Amino acid sequence: MLTEIRIAGFGGQGVILAAAVIGKARAIFEGGYATMTQSFGPEARGGSSSAQVILSSEPILYPYITRPDILIVMSQEAGARFIPELKPGGILITEQELVRVDHMPAGTRAFGVPATRLAEELGRKMVLNIVMVGFFGAVTSLIATEALRQAVADSVPPASQKLNLQAFEKGYEYGASLIEKLREEGETEMVLSFESES
């Protein structure tokens, strides 16, 4: 199975690192296949930034996504631009305090996380991208948690490894508790339908 993911926000939010972590988790720590491509707006910091990741159990012949199965957005501008491209029935993950969603493709399963606030609780707003990666891991179950954790540790400088792993755990715990709440409310079909495809 092939899964297309787009991560988008503005420069300085760590969009590219988040994509690299997800790709590395699949390709190196799970032994699968992954590709990543990236693009920037006119300014590196503050301008738009997006990355495309493709995950597969087989070699990937074309490295560009057509319509993402999963969209992770961390800015309002990114949401306005990319949400219409999300595949019907796809998963939308938003930084819920920065992105307001008005319209979504049919059947979209949407999950929000206050990633910036959770990062600020750790004392460094800049790790919001790793909070998002942890949340992504919990709500999609697409990649093994330990593989994502190892990819985080392997992708950041040793001096910030502990902080980034804490950020990952914060995002993962927030996502896991949200999924548990949805299960208790009887929305397991919505939550589990994507897991069963992987």
Protein backbone atom coordinates (compact mmCIF):
# COMPACT_ATOMS: atom_id res chain seq x y z
CA MET A 1 0.00 0.00 0.00
CA LEU A 2 1.14 3.52 -0.81
CA THR A 3 0.29 6.46 1.45
CA GLU A 4 0.71 10.08 0.37
CA ILE A 5 1.28 12.72 3.05
CA ARG A 6 1.64 16.49 2.82
CA ILE A 7 2.90 18.60 5.70
CA ALA A 8 2.49 22.36 5.35
CA GLY A 9 2.91 25.52 7.36
CA PHE A 10 5.20 28.53 7.31
CA GLY A 11 8.97 28.76 7.40
CA GLY A 12 10.40 28.35 10.89
CA GLN A 13 7.83 25.76 12.06
CA GLY A 14 10.03 22.81 11.18
CA VAL A 15 7.85 21.43 8.40
CA ILE A 16 10.77 19.83 6.56
CA LEU A 17 12.18 18.18 9.70
CA ALA A 18 8.76 16.72 10.54
CA ALA A 19 8.54 15.21 7.06
CA ALA A 20 12.10 13.87 7.29
CA VAL A 21 11.34 12.18 10.61
CA ILE A 22 8.25 10.43 9.22
CA GLY A 23 10.10 9.29 6.10
CA LYS A 24 13.11 8.11 8.09
CA ALA A 25 10.90 6.18 10.51
CA ARG A 26 9.43 4.16 7.64
CA ALA A 27 12.54 3.74 5.48
CA ILE A 28 15.23 3.19 8.09
CA PHE A 29 13.55 2.02 11.28
CA GLU A 30 10.74 -0.04 9.73
CA GLY A 31 12.59 -1.22 6.65
CA GLY A 32 9.99 0.10 4.21
CA TYR A 33 10.25 2.72 1.48
CA ALA A 34 9.80 6.49 1.61
CA THR A 35 10.43 9.57 -0.52
CA MET A 36 10.36 13.24 0.45
CA THR A 37 10.20 16.39 -1.65
CA GLN A 38 9.94 19.94 -0.35
CA SER A 39 9.09 23.47 -1.43
CA PHE A 40 9.45 26.93 0.07
CA GLY A 41 7.72 30.26 -0.42
CA PRO A 42 9.59 33.45 -1.34
CA GLU A 43 11.01 33.85 2.17
CA ALA A 44 12.54 30.97 4.07
CA ARG A 45 11.30 32.09 7.48
CA GLY A 46 7.73 33.33 7.56
CA GLY A 47 6.94 32.29 3.98
CA SER A 48 5.01 29.16 3.08
CA SER A 49 6.70 25.81 3.43
CA SER A 50 5.50 22.34 2.52
CA ALA A 51 6.87 18.85 2.17
CA GLN A 52 5.51 15.74 0.53
CA VAL A 53 6.18 12.27 1.91
CA ILE A 54 5.25 8.99 0.28
CA LEU A 55 5.34 5.81 2.35
CA SER A 56 5.18 2.36 0.82
CA SER A 57 5.93 -1.30 1.42
CA GLU A 58 7.37 -1.49 -2.12
CA PRO A 59 9.83 0.67 -4.12
CA ILE A 60 8.33 4.06 -5.05
CA LEU A 61 8.49 4.87 -8.76
CA TYR A 62 7.19 8.46 -8.67
CA PRO A 63 8.21 10.77 -5.79
CA TYR A 64 5.44 13.37 -6.07
CA ILE A 65 2.01 13.11 -4.50
CA THR A 66 -1.19 13.52 -6.48
CA ARG A 67 -3.80 13.89 -3.73
CA PRO A 68 -2.66 13.35 -0.15
CA ASP A 69 -4.23 10.66 2.02
CA ILE A 70 -3.04 12.60 5.06
CA LEU A 71 -2.62 16.37 5.35
CA ILE A 72 -0.87 17.98 8.32
CA VAL A 73 -1.31 21.76 8.43
CA MET A 74 0.27 24.22 10.84
CA SER A 75 -0.86 27.59 9.44
CA GLN A 76 -4.08 29.14 8.16
CA GLU A 77 -2.52 29.92 4.79
CA ALA A 78 -1.44 26.30 4.37
CA GLY A 79 -4.91 25.10 5.28
CA ALA A 80 -6.60 27.38 2.75
CA ARG A 81 -4.21 26.25 0.04
CA PHE A 82 -3.98 22.51 0.62
CA ILE A 83 -7.17 21.28 2.35
CA PRO A 84 -9.10 21.26 -0.98
CA GLU A 85 -6.46 18.85 -2.35
CA LEU A 86 -7.01 16.26 0.39
CA LYS A 87 -8.31 12.96 -0.92
CA PRO A 88 -11.99 12.30 -0.03
CA GLY A 89 -12.02 10.13 3.06
CA GLY A 90 -8.53 11.30 3.98
CA ILE A 91 -7.16 12.40 7.34
CA LEU A 92 -6.67 16.07 8.22
CA ILE A 93 -4.42 16.94 11.16
CA THR A 94 -4.32 20.60 12.21
CA GLU A 95 -2.58 22.83 14.70
CA GLN A 96 -6.00 23.61 16.13
CA GLU A 97 -5.17 27.01 17.57
CA LEU A 98 -3.59 28.29 14.33
CA VAL A 99 -5.88 26.75 11.69
CA ARG A 100 -9.60 27.34 11.29
CA VAL A 101 -11.25 24.87 8.94
CA ASP A 102 -14.34 25.97 7.01
CA HIS A 103 -14.70 23.31 4.32
CA MET A 104 -13.28 19.81 3.91
CA PRO A 105 -13.51 17.13 1.22
CA ALA A 106 -16.23 14.53 1.74
CA GLY A 107 -15.60 11.96 4.43
CA THR A 108 -12.56 13.72 5.87
CA ARG A 109 -11.54 12.59 9.35
CA ALA A 110 -10.21 15.67 11.12
CA PHE A 111 -8.05 15.76 14.24
CA GLY A 112 -6.73 18.87 15.98
CA VAL A 113 -3.92 19.34 18.48
CA PRO A 114 -2.74 22.52 20.29
CA ALA A 115 0.84 21.71 19.32
CA THR A 116 2.25 25.20 19.89
CA ARG A 117 0.81 25.35 23.41
CA LEU A 118 2.09 21.86 24.23
CA ALA A 119 5.53 22.85 22.94
CA GLU A 120 5.47 26.02 25.03
CA GLU A 121 4.79 23.88 28.12
CA LEU A 122 8.20 22.33 27.47
CA GLY A 123 9.73 25.79 27.24
CA ARG A 124 10.50 25.77 23.50
CA LYS A 125 7.81 26.69 20.97
CA MET A 126 10.11 25.53 18.16
CA VAL A 127 9.43 21.83 18.92
CA LEU A 128 5.78 22.11 17.87
CA ASN A 129 6.68 20.15 14.72
CA ILE A 130 7.77 17.14 16.78
CA VAL A 131 4.59 17.44 18.87
CA MET A 132 2.73 17.18 15.54
CA VAL A 133 4.74 14.08 14.59
CA GLY A 134 3.83 12.40 17.87
CA PHE A 135 0.16 13.28 17.39
CA PHE A 136 0.28 12.00 13.80
CA GLY A 137 1.70 8.70 15.07
CA ALA A 138 -1.08 8.26 17.62
CA VAL A 139 -4.07 9.12 15.45
CA THR A 140 -3.03 7.25 12.30
CA SER A 141 -1.16 4.18 13.68
CA LEU A 142 0.55 4.23 10.28
CA ILE A 143 4.08 3.84 11.62
CA ALA A 144 5.22 2.00 14.74
CA THR A 145 5.62 4.34 17.70
CA GLU A 146 9.14 3.12 18.44
CA ALA A 147 10.20 3.67 14.82
CA LEU A 148 9.00 7.29 15.02
CA ARG A 149 10.70 7.75 18.38
CA GLN A 150 13.99 6.44 17.00
CA ALA A 151 13.68 8.68 13.94
CA VAL A 152 13.18 11.74 16.16
CA ALA A 153 16.27 10.89 18.20
CA ASP A 154 18.28 10.28 15.03
CA SER A 155 17.20 13.52 13.31
CA VAL A 156 18.02 16.19 15.90
CA PRO A 157 21.29 17.38 17.47
CA PRO A 158 22.32 15.45 20.61
CA ALA A 159 21.92 18.57 22.76
CA SER A 160 18.21 18.85 21.89
CA GLN A 161 17.44 15.13 21.76
CA LYS A 162 15.82 14.97 25.20
CA LEU A 163 13.61 18.01 24.51
CA ASN A 164 12.47 16.66 21.15
CA LEU A 165 11.67 13.24 22.59
CA GLN A 166 9.61 14.95 25.29
CA ALA A 167 7.79 16.87 22.56
CA PHE A 168 7.12 13.63 20.69
CA GLU A 169 5.69 12.01 23.83
CA LYS A 170 3.46 15.03 24.53
CA GLY A 171 1.98 14.89 21.05
CA TYR A 172 1.61 11.13 21.12
CA GLU A 173 -0.09 11.12 24.53
CA TYR A 174 -2.50 13.87 23.42
CA GLY A 175 -3.39 11.88 20.30
CA ALA A 176 -3.72 8.57 22.15
CA SER A 177 -6.08 10.11 24.71
CA LEU A 178 -8.16 11.64 21.89
CA ILE A 179 -8.45 8.27 20.13
CA GLU A 180 -9.43 6.61 23.40
CA LYS A 181 -12.12 9.24 23.95
CA LEU A 182 -13.49 8.66 20.43
CA ARG A 183 -13.59 4.91 21.06
CA GLU A 184 -15.52 5.45 24.27
CA GLU A 185 -17.98 7.63 22.38
CA GLY A 186 -18.55 4.83 19.87
CA GLU A 187 -16.68 6.44 16.98
CA THR A 188 -14.29 3.51 16.58
CA GLU A 189 -15.26 2.94 12.96
CA MET A 190 -14.07 6.42 12.03
CA VAL A 191 -10.82 5.95 13.91
CA LEU A 192 -10.00 2.43 12.83
CA SER A 193 -10.91 2.61 9.16
CA PHE A 194 -7.57 4.13 8.19
CA GLU A 195 -5.59 1.74 10.41
CA SER A 196 -7.12 -1.25 8.65
CA GLU A 197 -5.81 -0.02 5.30
CA SER A 198 -2.18 0.08 6.40
